[in-house]
C-alpha cells in the first residue's frame, strides 16, 4: 500500500490521498 501525495486543485473536494494497493508486482 502506497500513499500517493495529492496536490488538490482549487476548490477540490478531495484534499486527501488516494491509497494505491498493489495486487501483484
PDBML (XML) file of the C-alpha atoms, coordinates in Angstrom:
<?xml version="1.0" encoding="UTF-8" ?>
<PDBx:datablock datablockName="MODEL"
   xmlns:PDBx="http://pdbml.pdb.org/schema/pdbx-v50.xsd"
   xmlns:xsi="http://www.w3.org/2001/XMLSchema-instance"
   xsi:schemaLocation="http://pdbml.pdb.org/schema/pdbx-v50.xsd pdbx-v50.xsd">
   <PDBx:atom_siteCategory>
      <PDBx:atom_site id="1">
         <PDBx:B_iso_or_equiv>0.00</PDBx:B_iso_or_equiv>
         <PDBx:Cartn_x>0.000</PDBx:Cartn_x>
         <PDBx:Cartn_y>0.000</PDBx:Cartn_y>
         <PDBx:Cartn_z>0.000</PDBx:Cartn_z>
         <PDBx:auth_asym_id>A</PDBx:auth_asym_id>
         <PDBx:auth_atom_id>CA</PDBx:auth_atom_id>
         <PDBx:auth_comp_id>UNK</PDBx:auth_comp_id>
         <PDBx:auth_seq_id>1</PDBx:auth_seq_id>
         <PDBx:group_PDB>ATOM</PDBx:group_PDB>
         <PDBx:label_alt_id xsi:nil="true" />
         <PDBx:label_asym_id>A</PDBx:label_asym_id>
         <PDBx:label_atom_id>CA</PDBx:label_atom_id>
         <PDBx:label_comp_id>UNK</PDBx:label_comp_id>
         <PDBx:label_entity_id>1</PDBx:label_entity_id>
         <PDBx:label_seq_id>1</PDBx:label_seq_id>
         <PDBx:occupancy>1.00</PDBx:occupancy>
         <PDBx:pdbx_PDB_model_num>1</PDBx:pdbx_PDB_model_num>
         <PDBx:type_symbol>C</PDBx:type_symbol>
      </PDBx:atom_site>
      <PDBx:atom_site id="2">
         <PDBx:B_iso_or_equiv>0.00</PDBx:B_iso_or_equiv>
         <PDBx:Cartn_x>1.413</PDBx:Cartn_x>
         <PDBx:Cartn_y>3.305</PDBx:Cartn_y>
         <PDBx:Cartn_z>-1.138</PDBx:Cartn_z>
         <PDBx:auth_asym_id>A</PDBx:auth_asym_id>
         <PDBx:auth_atom_id>CA</PDBx:auth_atom_id>
         <PDBx:auth_comp_id>UNK</PDBx:auth_comp_id>
         <PDBx:auth_seq_id>2</PDBx:auth_seq_id>
         <PDBx:group_PDB>ATOM</PDBx:group_PDB>
         <PDBx:label_alt_id xsi:nil="true" />
         <PDBx:label_asym_id>A</PDBx:label_asym_id>
         <PDBx:label_atom_id>CA</PDBx:label_atom_id>
         <PDBx:label_comp_id>UNK</PDBx:label_comp_id>
         <PDBx:label_entity_id>1</PDBx:label_entity_id>
         <PDBx:label_seq_id>2</PDBx:label_seq_id>
         <PDBx:occupancy>1.00</PDBx:occupancy>
         <PDBx:pdbx_PDB_model_num>1</PDBx:pdbx_PDB_model_num>
         <PDBx:type_symbol>C</PDBx:type_symbol>
      </PDBx:atom_site>
      <PDBx:atom_site id="3">
         <PDBx:B_iso_or_equiv>0.00</PDBx:B_iso_or_equiv>
         <PDBx:Cartn_x>0.077</PDBx:Cartn_x>
         <PDBx:Cartn_y>6.663</PDBx:Cartn_y>
         <PDBx:Cartn_z>-0.110</PDBx:Cartn_z>
         <PDBx:auth_asym_id>A</PDBx:auth_asym_id>
         <PDBx:auth_atom_id>CA</PDBx:auth_atom_id>
         <PDBx:auth_comp_id>UNK</PDBx:auth_comp_id>
         <PDBx:auth_seq_id>3</PDBx:auth_seq_id>
         <PDBx:group_PDB>ATOM</PDBx:group_PDB>
         <PDBx:label_alt_id xsi:nil="true" />
         <PDBx:label_asym_id>A</PDBx:label_asym_id>
         <PDBx:label_atom_id>CA</PDBx:label_atom_id>
         <PDBx:label_comp_id>UNK</PDBx:label_comp_id>
         <PDBx:label_entity_id>1</PDBx:label_entity_id>
         <PDBx:label_seq_id>3</PDBx:label_seq_id>
         <PDBx:occupancy>1.00</PDBx:occupancy>
         <PDBx:pdbx_PDB_model_num>1</PDBx:pdbx_PDB_model_num>
         <PDBx:type_symbol>C</PDBx:type_symbol>
      </PDBx:atom_site>
      <PDBx:atom_site id="4">
         <PDBx:B_iso_or_equiv>0.00</PDBx:B_iso_or_equiv>
         <PDBx:Cartn_x>0.099</PDBx:Cartn_x>
         <PDBx:Cartn_y>8.972</PDBx:Cartn_y>
         <PDBx:Cartn_z>-3.100</PDBx:Cartn_z>
         <PDBx:auth_asym_id>A</PDBx:auth_asym_id>
         <PDBx:auth_atom_id>CA</PDBx:auth_atom_id>
         <PDBx:auth_comp_id>UNK</PDBx:auth_comp_id>
         <PDBx:auth_seq_id>4</PDBx:auth_seq_id>
         <PDBx:group_PDB>ATOM</PDBx:group_PDB>
         <PDBx:label_alt_id xsi:nil="true" />
         <PDBx:label_asym_id>A</PDBx:label_asym_id>
         <PDBx:label_atom_id>CA</PDBx:label_atom_id>
         <PDBx:label_comp_id>UNK</PDBx:label_comp_id>
         <PDBx:label_entity_id>1</PDBx:label_entity_id>
         <PDBx:label_seq_id>4</PDBx:label_seq_id>
         <PDBx:occupancy>1.00</PDBx:occupancy>
         <PDBx:pdbx_PDB_model_num>1</PDBx:pdbx_PDB_model_num>
         <PDBx:type_symbol>C</PDBx:type_symbol>
      </PDBx:atom_site>
      <PDBx:atom_site id="5">
         <PDBx:B_iso_or_equiv>0.00</PDBx:B_iso_or_equiv>
         <PDBx:Cartn_x>0.620</PDBx:Cartn_x>
         <PDBx:Cartn_y>12.619</PDBx:Cartn_y>
         <PDBx:Cartn_z>-2.298</PDBx:Cartn_z>
         <PDBx:auth_asym_id>A</PDBx:auth_asym_id>
         <PDBx:auth_atom_id>CA</PDBx:auth_atom_id>
         <PDBx:auth_comp_id>UNK</PDBx:auth_comp_id>
         <PDBx:auth_seq_id>5</PDBx:auth_seq_id>
         <PDBx:group_PDB>ATOM</PDBx:group_PDB>
         <PDBx:label_alt_id xsi:nil="true" />
         <PDBx:label_asym_id>A</PDBx:label_asym_id>
         <PDBx:label_atom_id>CA</PDBx:label_atom_id>
         <PDBx:label_comp_id>UNK</PDBx:label_comp_id>
         <PDBx:label_entity_id>1</PDBx:label_entity_id>
         <PDBx:label_seq_id>5</PDBx:label_seq_id>
         <PDBx:occupancy>1.00</PDBx:occupancy>
         <PDBx:pdbx_PDB_model_num>1</PDBx:pdbx_PDB_model_num>
         <PDBx:type_symbol>C</PDBx:type_symbol>
      </PDBx:atom_site>
      <PDBx:atom_site id="6">
         <PDBx:B_iso_or_equiv>0.00</PDBx:B_iso_or_equiv>
         <PDBx:Cartn_x>-2.101</PDBx:Cartn_x>
         <PDBx:Cartn_y>14.719</PDBx:Cartn_y>
         <PDBx:Cartn_z>-3.880</PDBx:Cartn_z>
         <PDBx:auth_asym_id>A</PDBx:auth_asym_id>
         <PDBx:auth_atom_id>CA</PDBx:auth_atom_id>
         <PDBx:auth_comp_id>UNK</PDBx:auth_comp_id>
         <PDBx:auth_seq_id>6</PDBx:auth_seq_id>
         <PDBx:group_PDB>ATOM</PDBx:group_PDB>
         <PDBx:label_alt_id xsi:nil="true" />
         <PDBx:label_asym_id>A</PDBx:label_asym_id>
         <PDBx:label_atom_id>CA</PDBx:label_atom_id>
         <PDBx:label_comp_id>UNK</PDBx:label_comp_id>
         <PDBx:label_entity_id>1</PDBx:label_entity_id>
         <PDBx:label_seq_id>6</PDBx:label_seq_id>
         <PDBx:occupancy>1.00</PDBx:occupancy>
         <PDBx:pdbx_PDB_model_num>1</PDBx:pdbx_PDB_model_num>
         <PDBx:type_symbol>C</PDBx:type_symbol>
      </PDBx:atom_site>
      <PDBx:atom_site id="7">
         <PDBx:B_iso_or_equiv>0.00</PDBx:B_iso_or_equiv>
         <PDBx:Cartn_x>-1.941</PDBx:Cartn_x>
         <PDBx:Cartn_y>18.407</PDBx:Cartn_y>
         <PDBx:Cartn_z>-4.613</PDBx:Cartn_z>
         <PDBx:auth_asym_id>A</PDBx:auth_asym_id>
         <PDBx:auth_atom_id>CA</PDBx:auth_atom_id>
         <PDBx:auth_comp_id>UNK</PDBx:auth_comp_id>
         <PDBx:auth_seq_id>7</PDBx:auth_seq_id>
         <PDBx:group_PDB>ATOM</PDBx:group_PDB>
         <PDBx:label_alt_id xsi:nil="true" />
         <PDBx:label_asym_id>A</PDBx:label_asym_id>
         <PDBx:label_atom_id>CA</PDBx:label_atom_id>
         <PDBx:label_comp_id>UNK</PDBx:label_comp_id>
         <PDBx:label_entity_id>1</PDBx:label_entity_id>
         <PDBx:label_seq_id>7</PDBx:label_seq_id>
         <PDBx:occupancy>1.00</PDBx:occupancy>
         <PDBx:pdbx_PDB_model_num>1</PDBx:pdbx_PDB_model_num>
         <PDBx:type_symbol>C</PDBx:type_symbol>
      </PDBx:atom_site>
      <PDBx:atom_site id="8">
         <PDBx:B_iso_or_equiv>0.00</PDBx:B_iso_or_equiv>
         <PDBx:Cartn_x>-5.603</PDBx:Cartn_x>
         <PDBx:Cartn_y>19.357</PDBx:Cartn_y>
         <PDBx:Cartn_z>-4.576</PDBx:Cartn_z>
         <PDBx:auth_asym_id>A</PDBx:auth_asym_id>
         <PDBx:auth_atom_id>CA</PDBx:auth_atom_id>
         <PDBx:auth_comp_id>UNK</PDBx:auth_comp_id>
         <PDBx:auth_seq_id>8</PDBx:auth_seq_id>
         <PDBx:group_PDB>ATOM</PDBx:group_PDB>
         <PDBx:label_alt_id xsi:nil="true" />
         <PDBx:label_asym_id>A</PDBx:label_asym_id>
         <PDBx:label_atom_id>CA</PDBx:label_atom_id>
         <PDBx:label_comp_id>UNK</PDBx:label_comp_id>
         <PDBx:label_entity_id>1</PDBx:label_entity_id>
         <PDBx:label_seq_id>8</PDBx:label_seq_id>
         <PDBx:occupancy>1.00</PDBx:occupancy>
         <PDBx:pdbx_PDB_model_num>1</PDBx:pdbx_PDB_model_num>
         <PDBx:type_symbol>C</PDBx:type_symbol>
      </PDBx:atom_site>
      <PDBx:atom_site id="9">
         <PDBx:B_iso_or_equiv>0.00</PDBx:B_iso_or_equiv>
         <PDBx:Cartn_x>-6.789</PDBx:Cartn_x>
         <PDBx:Cartn_y>21.766</PDBx:Cartn_y>
         <PDBx:Cartn_z>-7.253</PDBx:Cartn_z>
         <PDBx:auth_asym_id>A</PDBx:auth_asym_id>
         <PDBx:auth_atom_id>CA</PDBx:auth_atom_id>
         <PDBx:auth_comp_id>UNK</PDBx:auth_comp_id>
         <PDBx:auth_seq_id>9</PDBx:auth_seq_id>
         <PDBx:group_PDB>ATOM</PDBx:group_PDB>
         <PDBx:label_alt_id xsi:nil="true" />
         <PDBx:label_asym_id>A</PDBx:label_asym_id>
         <PDBx:label_atom_id>CA</PDBx:label_atom_id>
         <PDBx:label_comp_id>UNK</PDBx:label_comp_id>
         <PDBx:label_entity_id>1</PDBx:label_entity_id>
         <PDBx:label_seq_id>9</PDBx:label_seq_id>
         <PDBx:occupancy>1.00</PDBx:occupancy>
         <PDBx:pdbx_PDB_model_num>1</PDBx:pdbx_PDB_model_num>
         <PDBx:type_symbol>C</PDBx:type_symbol>
      </PDBx:atom_site>
      <PDBx:atom_site id="10">
         <PDBx:B_iso_or_equiv>0.00</PDBx:B_iso_or_equiv>
         <PDBx:Cartn_x>-8.554</PDBx:Cartn_x>
         <PDBx:Cartn_y>24.924</PDBx:Cartn_y>
         <PDBx:Cartn_z>-6.189</PDBx:Cartn_z>
         <PDBx:auth_asym_id>A</PDBx:auth_asym_id>
         <PDBx:auth_atom_id>CA</PDBx:auth_atom_id>
         <PDBx:auth_comp_id>UNK</PDBx:auth_comp_id>
         <PDBx:auth_seq_id>10</PDBx:auth_seq_id>
         <PDBx:group_PDB>ATOM</PDBx:group_PDB>
         <PDBx:label_alt_id xsi:nil="true" />
         <PDBx:label_asym_id>A</PDBx:label_asym_id>
         <PDBx:label_atom_id>CA</PDBx:label_atom_id>
         <PDBx:label_comp_id>UNK</PDBx:label_comp_id>
         <PDBx:label_entity_id>1</PDBx:label_entity_id>
         <PDBx:label_seq_id>10</PDBx:label_seq_id>
         <PDBx:occupancy>1.00</PDBx:occupancy>
         <PDBx:pdbx_PDB_model_num>1</PDBx:pdbx_PDB_model_num>
         <PDBx:type_symbol>C</PDBx:type_symbol>
      </PDBx:atom_site>
      <PDBx:atom_site id="11">
         <PDBx:B_iso_or_equiv>0.00</PDBx:B_iso_or_equiv>
         <PDBx:Cartn_x>-11.965</PDBx:Cartn_x>
         <PDBx:Cartn_y>24.009</PDBx:Cartn_y>
         <PDBx:Cartn_z>-4.847</PDBx:Cartn_z>
         <PDBx:auth_asym_id>A</PDBx:auth_asym_id>
         <PDBx:auth_atom_id>CA</PDBx:auth_atom_id>
         <PDBx:auth_comp_id>UNK</PDBx:auth_comp_id>
         <PDBx:auth_seq_id>11</PDBx:auth_seq_id>
         <PDBx:group_PDB>ATOM</PDBx:group_PDB>
         <PDBx:label_alt_id xsi:nil="true" />
         <PDBx:label_asym_id>A</PDBx:label_asym_id>
         <PDBx:label_atom_id>CA</PDBx:label_atom_id>
         <PDBx:label_comp_id>UNK</PDBx:label_comp_id>
         <PDBx:label_entity_id>1</PDBx:label_entity_id>
         <PDBx:label_seq_id>11</PDBx:label_seq_id>
         <PDBx:occupancy>1.00</PDBx:occupancy>
         <PDBx:pdbx_PDB_model_num>1</PDBx:pdbx_PDB_model_num>
         <PDBx:type_symbol>C</PDBx:type_symbol>
      </PDBx:atom_site>
      <PDBx:atom_site id="12">
         <PDBx:B_iso_or_equiv>0.00</PDBx:B_iso_or_equiv>
         <PDBx:Cartn_x>-11.146</PDBx:Cartn_x>
         <PDBx:Cartn_y>20.295</PDBx:Cartn_y>
         <PDBx:Cartn_z>-4.952</PDBx:Cartn_z>
         <PDBx:auth_asym_id>A</PDBx:auth_asym_id>
         <PDBx:auth_atom_id>CA</PDBx:auth_atom_id>
         <PDBx:auth_comp_id>UNK</PDBx:auth_comp_id>
         <PDBx:auth_seq_id>12</PDBx:auth_seq_id>
         <PDBx:group_PDB>ATOM</PDBx:group_PDB>
         <PDBx:label_alt_id xsi:nil="true" />
         <PDBx:label_asym_id>A</PDBx:label_asym_id>
         <PDBx:label_atom_id>CA</PDBx:label_atom_id>
         <PDBx:label_comp_id>UNK</PDBx:label_comp_id>
         <PDBx:label_entity_id>1</PDBx:label_entity_id>
         <PDBx:label_seq_id>12</PDBx:label_seq_id>
         <PDBx:occupancy>1.00</PDBx:occupancy>
         <PDBx:pdbx_PDB_model_num>1</PDBx:pdbx_PDB_model_num>
         <PDBx:type_symbol>C</PDBx:type_symbol>
      </PDBx:atom_site>
      <PDBx:atom_site id="13">
         <PDBx:B_iso_or_equiv>0.00</PDBx:B_iso_or_equiv>
         <PDBx:Cartn_x>-13.311</PDBx:Cartn_x>
         <PDBx:Cartn_y>18.340</PDBx:Cartn_y>
         <PDBx:Cartn_z>-2.525</PDBx:Cartn_z>
         <PDBx:auth_asym_id>A</PDBx:auth_asym_id>
         <PDBx:auth_atom_id>CA</PDBx:auth_atom_id>
         <PDBx:auth_comp_id>UNK</PDBx:auth_comp_id>
         <PDBx:auth_seq_id>13</PDBx:auth_seq_id>
         <PDBx:group_PDB>ATOM</PDBx:group_PDB>
         <PDBx:label_alt_id xsi:nil="true" />
         <PDBx:label_asym_id>A</PDBx:label_asym_id>
         <PDBx:label_atom_id>CA</PDBx:label_atom_id>
         <PDBx:label_comp_id>UNK</PDBx:label_comp_id>
         <PDBx:label_entity_id>1</PDBx:label_entity_id>
         <PDBx:label_seq_id>13</PDBx:label_seq_id>
         <PDBx:occupancy>1.00</PDBx:occupancy>
         <PDBx:pdbx_PDB_model_num>1</PDBx:pdbx_PDB_model_num>
         <PDBx:type_symbol>C</PDBx:type_symbol>
      </PDBx:atom_site>
      <PDBx:atom_site id="14">
         <PDBx:B_iso_or_equiv>0.00</PDBx:B_iso_or_equiv>
         <PDBx:Cartn_x>-10.560</PDBx:Cartn_x>
         <PDBx:Cartn_y>15.686</PDBx:Cartn_y>
         <PDBx:Cartn_z>-2.404</PDBx:Cartn_z>
         <PDBx:auth_asym_id>A</PDBx:auth_asym_id>
         <PDBx:auth_atom_id>CA</PDBx:auth_atom_id>
         <PDBx:auth_comp_id>UNK</PDBx:auth_comp_id>
         <PDBx:auth_seq_id>14</PDBx:auth_seq_id>
         <PDBx:group_PDB>ATOM</PDBx:group_PDB>
         <PDBx:label_alt_id xsi:nil="true" />
         <PDBx:label_asym_id>A</PDBx:label_asym_id>
         <PDBx:label_atom_id>CA</PDBx:label_atom_id>
         <PDBx:label_comp_id>UNK</PDBx:label_comp_id>
         <PDBx:label_entity_id>1</PDBx:label_entity_id>
         <PDBx:label_seq_id>14</PDBx:label_seq_id>
         <PDBx:occupancy>1.00</PDBx:occupancy>
         <PDBx:pdbx_PDB_model_num>1</PDBx:pdbx_PDB_model_num>
         <PDBx:type_symbol>C</PDBx:type_symbol>
      </PDBx:atom_site>
      <PDBx:atom_site id="15">
         <PDBx:B_iso_or_equiv>0.00</PDBx:B_iso_or_equiv>
         <PDBx:Cartn_x>-7.858</PDBx:Cartn_x>
         <PDBx:Cartn_y>17.165</PDBx:Cartn_y>
         <PDBx:Cartn_z>-0.196</PDBx:Cartn_z>
         <PDBx:auth_asym_id>A</PDBx:auth_asym_id>
         <PDBx:auth_atom_id>CA</PDBx:auth_atom_id>
         <PDBx:auth_comp_id>UNK</PDBx:auth_comp_id>
         <PDBx:auth_seq_id>15</PDBx:auth_seq_id>
         <PDBx:group_PDB>ATOM</PDBx:group_PDB>
         <PDBx:label_alt_id xsi:nil="true" />
         <PDBx:label_asym_id>A</PDBx:label_asym_id>
         <PDBx:label_atom_id>CA</PDBx:label_atom_id>
         <PDBx:label_comp_id>UNK</PDBx:label_comp_id>
         <PDBx:label_entity_id>1</PDBx:label_entity_id>
         <PDBx:label_seq_id>15</PDBx:label_seq_id>
         <PDBx:occupancy>1.00</PDBx:occupancy>
         <PDBx:pdbx_PDB_model_num>1</PDBx:pdbx_PDB_model_num>
         <PDBx:type_symbol>C</PDBx:type_symbol>
      </PDBx:atom_site>
      <PDBx:atom_site id="16">
         <PDBx:B_iso_or_equiv>0.00</PDBx:B_iso_or_equiv>
         <PDBx:Cartn_x>-6.697</PDBx:Cartn_x>
         <PDBx:Cartn_y>13.709</PDBx:Cartn_y>
         <PDBx:Cartn_z>0.833</PDBx:Cartn_z>
         <PDBx:auth_asym_id>A</PDBx:auth_asym_id>
         <PDBx:auth_atom_id>CA</PDBx:auth_atom_id>
         <PDBx:auth_comp_id>UNK</PDBx:auth_comp_id>
         <PDBx:auth_seq_id>16</PDBx:auth_seq_id>
         <PDBx:group_PDB>ATOM</PDBx:group_PDB>
         <PDBx:label_alt_id xsi:nil="true" />
         <PDBx:label_asym_id>A</PDBx:label_asym_id>
         <PDBx:label_atom_id>CA</PDBx:label_atom_id>
         <PDBx:label_comp_id>UNK</PDBx:label_comp_id>
         <PDBx:label_entity_id>1</PDBx:label_entity_id>
         <PDBx:label_seq_id>16</PDBx:label_seq_id>
         <PDBx:occupancy>1.00</PDBx:occupancy>
         <PDBx:pdbx_PDB_model_num>1</PDBx:pdbx_PDB_model_num>
         <PDBx:type_symbol>C</PDBx:type_symbol>
      </PDBx:atom_site>
      <PDBx:atom_site id="17">
         <PDBx:B_iso_or_equiv>0.00</PDBx:B_iso_or_equiv>
         <PDBx:Cartn_x>-4.653</PDBx:Cartn_x>
         <PDBx:Cartn_y>10.982</PDBx:Cartn_y>
         <PDBx:Cartn_z>-0.810</PDBx:Cartn_z>
         <PDBx:auth_asym_id>A</PDBx:auth_asym_id>
         <PDBx:auth_atom_id>CA</PDBx:auth_atom_id>
         <PDBx:auth_comp_id>UNK</PDBx:auth_comp_id>
         <PDBx:auth_seq_id>17</PDBx:auth_seq_id>
         <PDBx:group_PDB>ATOM</PDBx:group_PDB>
         <PDBx:label_alt_id xsi:nil="true" />
         <PDBx:label_asym_id>A</PDBx:label_asym_id>
         <PDBx:label_atom_id>CA</PDBx:label_atom_id>
         <PDBx:label_comp_id>UNK</PDBx:label_comp_id>
         <PDBx:label_entity_id>1</PDBx:label_entity_id>
         <PDBx:label_seq_id>17</PDBx:label_seq_id>
         <PDBx:occupancy>1.00</PDBx:occupancy>
         <PDBx:pdbx_PDB_model_num>1</PDBx:pdbx_PDB_model_num>
         <PDBx:type_symbol>C</PDBx:type_symbol>
      </PDBx:atom_site>
      <PDBx:atom_site id="18">
         <PDBx:B_iso_or_equiv>0.00</PDBx:B_iso_or_equiv>
         <PDBx:Cartn_x>-5.712</PDBx:Cartn_x>
         <PDBx:Cartn_y>8.005</PDBx:Cartn_y>
         <PDBx:Cartn_z>-2.879</PDBx:Cartn_z>
         <PDBx:auth_asym_id>A</PDBx:auth_asym_id>
         <PDBx:auth_atom_id>CA</PDBx:auth_atom_id>
         <PDBx:auth_comp_id>UNK</PDBx:auth_comp_id>
         <PDBx:auth_seq_id>18</PDBx:auth_seq_id>
         <PDBx:group_PDB>ATOM</PDBx:group_PDB>
         <PDBx:label_alt_id xsi:nil="true" />
         <PDBx:label_asym_id>A</PDBx:label_asym_id>
         <PDBx:label_atom_id>CA</PDBx:label_atom_id>
         <PDBx:label_comp_id>UNK</PDBx:label_comp_id>
         <PDBx:label_entity_id>1</PDBx:label_entity_id>
         <PDBx:label_seq_id>18</PDBx:label_seq_id>
         <PDBx:occupancy>1.00</PDBx:occupancy>
         <PDBx:pdbx_PDB_model_num>1</PDBx:pdbx_PDB_model_num>
         <PDBx:type_symbol>C</PDBx:type_symbol>
      </PDBx:atom_site>
      <PDBx:atom_site id="19">
         <PDBx:B_iso_or_equiv>0.00</PDBx:B_iso_or_equiv>
         <PDBx:Cartn_x>-4.135</PDBx:Cartn_x>
         <PDBx:Cartn_y>4.865</PDBx:Cartn_y>
         <PDBx:Cartn_z>-1.410</PDBx:Cartn_z>
         <PDBx:auth_asym_id>A</PDBx:auth_asym_id>
         <PDBx:auth_atom_id>CA</PDBx:auth_atom_id>
         <PDBx:auth_comp_id>UNK</PDBx:auth_comp_id>
         <PDBx:auth_seq_id>19</PDBx:auth_seq_id>
         <PDBx:group_PDB>ATOM</PDBx:group_PDB>
         <PDBx:label_alt_id xsi:nil="true" />
         <PDBx:label_asym_id>A</PDBx:label_asym_id>
         <PDBx:label_atom_id>CA</PDBx:label_atom_id>
         <PDBx:label_comp_id>UNK</PDBx:label_comp_id>
         <PDBx:label_entity_id>1</PDBx:label_entity_id>
         <PDBx:label_seq_id>19</PDBx:label_seq_id>
         <PDBx:occupancy>1.00</PDBx:occupancy>
         <PDBx:pdbx_PDB_model_num>1</PDBx:pdbx_PDB_model_num>
         <PDBx:type_symbol>C</PDBx:type_symbol>
      </PDBx:atom_site>
      <PDBx:atom_site id="20">
         <PDBx:B_iso_or_equiv>0.00</PDBx:B_iso_or_equiv>
         <PDBx:Cartn_x>-2.560</PDBx:Cartn_x>
         <PDBx:Cartn_y>2.624</PDBx:Cartn_y>
         <PDBx:Cartn_z>-4.051</PDBx:Cartn_z>
         <PDBx:auth_asym_id>A</PDBx:auth_asym_id>
         <PDBx:auth_atom_id>CA</PDBx:auth_atom_id>
         <PDBx:auth_comp_id>UNK</PDBx:auth_comp_id>
         <PDBx:auth_seq_id>20</PDBx:auth_seq_id>
         <PDBx:group_PDB>ATOM</PDBx:group_PDB>
         <PDBx:label_alt_id xsi:nil="true" />
         <PDBx:label_asym_id>A</PDBx:label_asym_id>
         <PDBx:label_atom_id>CA</PDBx:label_atom_id>
         <PDBx:label_comp_id>UNK</PDBx:label_comp_id>
         <PDBx:label_entity_id>1</PDBx:label_entity_id>
         <PDBx:label_seq_id>20</PDBx:label_seq_id>
         <PDBx:occupancy>1.00</PDBx:occupancy>
         <PDBx:pdbx_PDB_model_num>1</PDBx:pdbx_PDB_model_num>
         <PDBx:type_symbol>C</PDBx:type_symbol>
      </PDBx:atom_site>
      <PDBx:atom_site id="21">
         <PDBx:B_iso_or_equiv>0.00</PDBx:B_iso_or_equiv>
         <PDBx:Cartn_x>-2.906</PDBx:Cartn_x>
         <PDBx:Cartn_y>-1.114</PDBx:Cartn_y>
         <PDBx:Cartn_z>-3.375</PDBx:Cartn_z>
         <PDBx:auth_asym_id>A</PDBx:auth_asym_id>
         <PDBx:auth_atom_id>CA</PDBx:auth_atom_id>
         <PDBx:auth_comp_id>UNK</PDBx:auth_comp_id>
         <PDBx:auth_seq_id>21</PDBx:auth_seq_id>
         <PDBx:group_PDB>ATOM</PDBx:group_PDB>
         <PDBx:label_alt_id xsi:nil="true" />
         <PDBx:label_asym_id>A</PDBx:label_asym_id>
         <PDBx:label_atom_id>CA</PDBx:label_atom_id>
         <PDBx:label_comp_id>UNK</PDBx:label_comp_id>
         <PDBx:label_entity_id>1</PDBx:label_entity_id>
         <PDBx:label_seq_id>21</PDBx:label_seq_id>
         <PDBx:occupancy>1.00</PDBx:occupancy>
         <PDBx:pdbx_PDB_model_num>1</PDBx:pdbx_PDB_model_num>
         <PDBx:type_symbol>C</PDBx:type_symbol>
      </PDBx:atom_site>
      <PDBx:atom_site id="22">
         <PDBx:B_iso_or_equiv>0.00</PDBx:B_iso_or_equiv>
         <PDBx:Cartn_x>-0.590</PDBx:Cartn_x>
         <PDBx:Cartn_y>-3.311</PDBx:Cartn_y>
         <PDBx:Cartn_z>-5.422</PDBx:Cartn_z>
         <PDBx:auth_asym_id>A</PDBx:auth_asym_id>
         <PDBx:auth_atom_id>CA</PDBx:auth_atom_id>
         <PDBx:auth_comp_id>UNK</PDBx:auth_comp_id>
         <PDBx:auth_seq_id>22</PDBx:auth_seq_id>
         <PDBx:group_PDB>ATOM</PDBx:group_PDB>
         <PDBx:label_alt_id xsi:nil="true" />
         <PDBx:label_asym_id>A</PDBx:label_asym_id>
         <PDBx:label_atom_id>CA</PDBx:label_atom_id>
         <PDBx:label_comp_id>UNK</PDBx:label_comp_id>
         <PDBx:label_entity_id>1</PDBx:label_entity_id>
         <PDBx:label_seq_id>22</PDBx:label_seq_id>
         <PDBx:occupancy>1.00</PDBx:occupancy>
         <PDBx:pdbx_PDB_model_num>1</PDBx:pdbx_PDB_model_num>
         <PDBx:type_symbol>C</PDBx:type_symbol>
      </PDBx:atom_site>
      <PDBx:atom_site id="23">
         <PDBx:B_iso_or_equiv>0.00</PDBx:B_iso_or_equiv>
         <PDBx:Cartn_x>-2.306</PDBx:Cartn_x>
         <PDBx:Cartn_y>-6.624</PDBx:Cartn_y>
         <PDBx:Cartn_z>-6.072</PDBx:Cartn_z>
         <PDBx:auth_asym_id>A</PDBx:auth_asym_id>
         <PDBx:auth_atom_id>CA</PDBx:auth_atom_id>
         <PDBx:auth_comp_id>UNK</PDBx:auth_comp_id>
         <PDBx:auth_seq_id>23</PDBx:auth_seq_id>
         <PDBx:group_PDB>ATOM</PDBx:group_PDB>
         <PDBx:label_alt_id xsi:nil="true" />
         <PDBx:label_asym_id>A</PDBx:label_asym_id>
         <PDBx:label_atom_id>CA</PDBx:label_atom_id>
         <PDBx:label_comp_id>UNK</PDBx:label_comp_id>
         <PDBx:label_entity_id>1</PDBx:label_entity_id>
         <PDBx:label_seq_id>23</PDBx:label_seq_id>
         <PDBx:occupancy>1.00</PDBx:occupancy>
         <PDBx:pdbx_PDB_model_num>1</PDBx:pdbx_PDB_model_num>
         <PDBx:type_symbol>C</PDBx:type_symbol>
      </PDBx:atom_site>
      <PDBx:atom_site id="24">
         <PDBx:B_iso_or_equiv>0.00</PDBx:B_iso_or_equiv>
         <PDBx:Cartn_x>0.647</PDBx:Cartn_x>
         <PDBx:Cartn_y>-8.168</PDBx:Cartn_y>
         <PDBx:Cartn_z>-7.934</PDBx:Cartn_z>
         <PDBx:auth_asym_id>A</PDBx:auth_asym_id>
         <PDBx:auth_atom_id>CA</PDBx:auth_atom_id>
         <PDBx:auth_comp_id>UNK</PDBx:auth_comp_id>
         <PDBx:auth_seq_id>24</PDBx:auth_seq_id>
         <PDBx:group_PDB>ATOM</PDBx:group_PDB>
         <PDBx:label_alt_id xsi:nil="true" />
         <PDBx:label_asym_id>A</PDBx:label_asym_id>
         <PDBx:label_atom_id>CA</PDBx:label_atom_id>
         <PDBx:label_comp_id>UNK</PDBx:label_comp_id>
         <PDBx:label_entity_id>1</PDBx:label_entity_id>
         <PDBx:label_seq_id>24</PDBx:label_seq_id>
         <PDBx:occupancy>1.00</PDBx:occupancy>
         <PDBx:pdbx_PDB_model_num>1</PDBx:pdbx_PDB_model_num>
         <PDBx:type_symbol>C</PDBx:type_symbol>
      </PDBx:atom_site>
      <PDBx:atom_site id="25">
         <PDBx:B_iso_or_equiv>0.00</PDBx:B_iso_or_equiv>
         <PDBx:Cartn_x>4.041</PDBx:Cartn_x>
         <PDBx:Cartn_y>-6.806</PDBx:Cartn_y>
         <PDBx:Cartn_z>-8.918</PDBx:Cartn_z>
         <PDBx:auth_asym_id>A</PDBx:auth_asym_id>
         <PDBx:auth_atom_id>CA</PDBx:auth_atom_id>
         <PDBx:auth_comp_id>UNK</PDBx:auth_comp_id>
         <PDBx:auth_seq_id>25</PDBx:auth_seq_id>
         <PDBx:group_PDB>ATOM</PDBx:group_PDB>
         <PDBx:label_alt_id xsi:nil="true" />
         <PDBx:label_asym_id>A</PDBx:label_asym_id>
         <PDBx:label_atom_id>CA</PDBx:label_atom_id>
         <PDBx:label_comp_id>UNK</PDBx:label_comp_id>
         <PDBx:label_entity_id>1</PDBx:label_entity_id>
         <PDBx:label_seq_id>25</PDBx:label_seq_id>
         <PDBx:occupancy>1.00</PDBx:occupancy>
         <PDBx:pdbx_PDB_model_num>1</PDBx:pdbx_PDB_model_num>
         <PDBx:type_symbol>C</PDBx:type_symbol>
      </PDBx:atom_site>
   </PDBx:atom_siteCategory>
</PDBx:datablock>
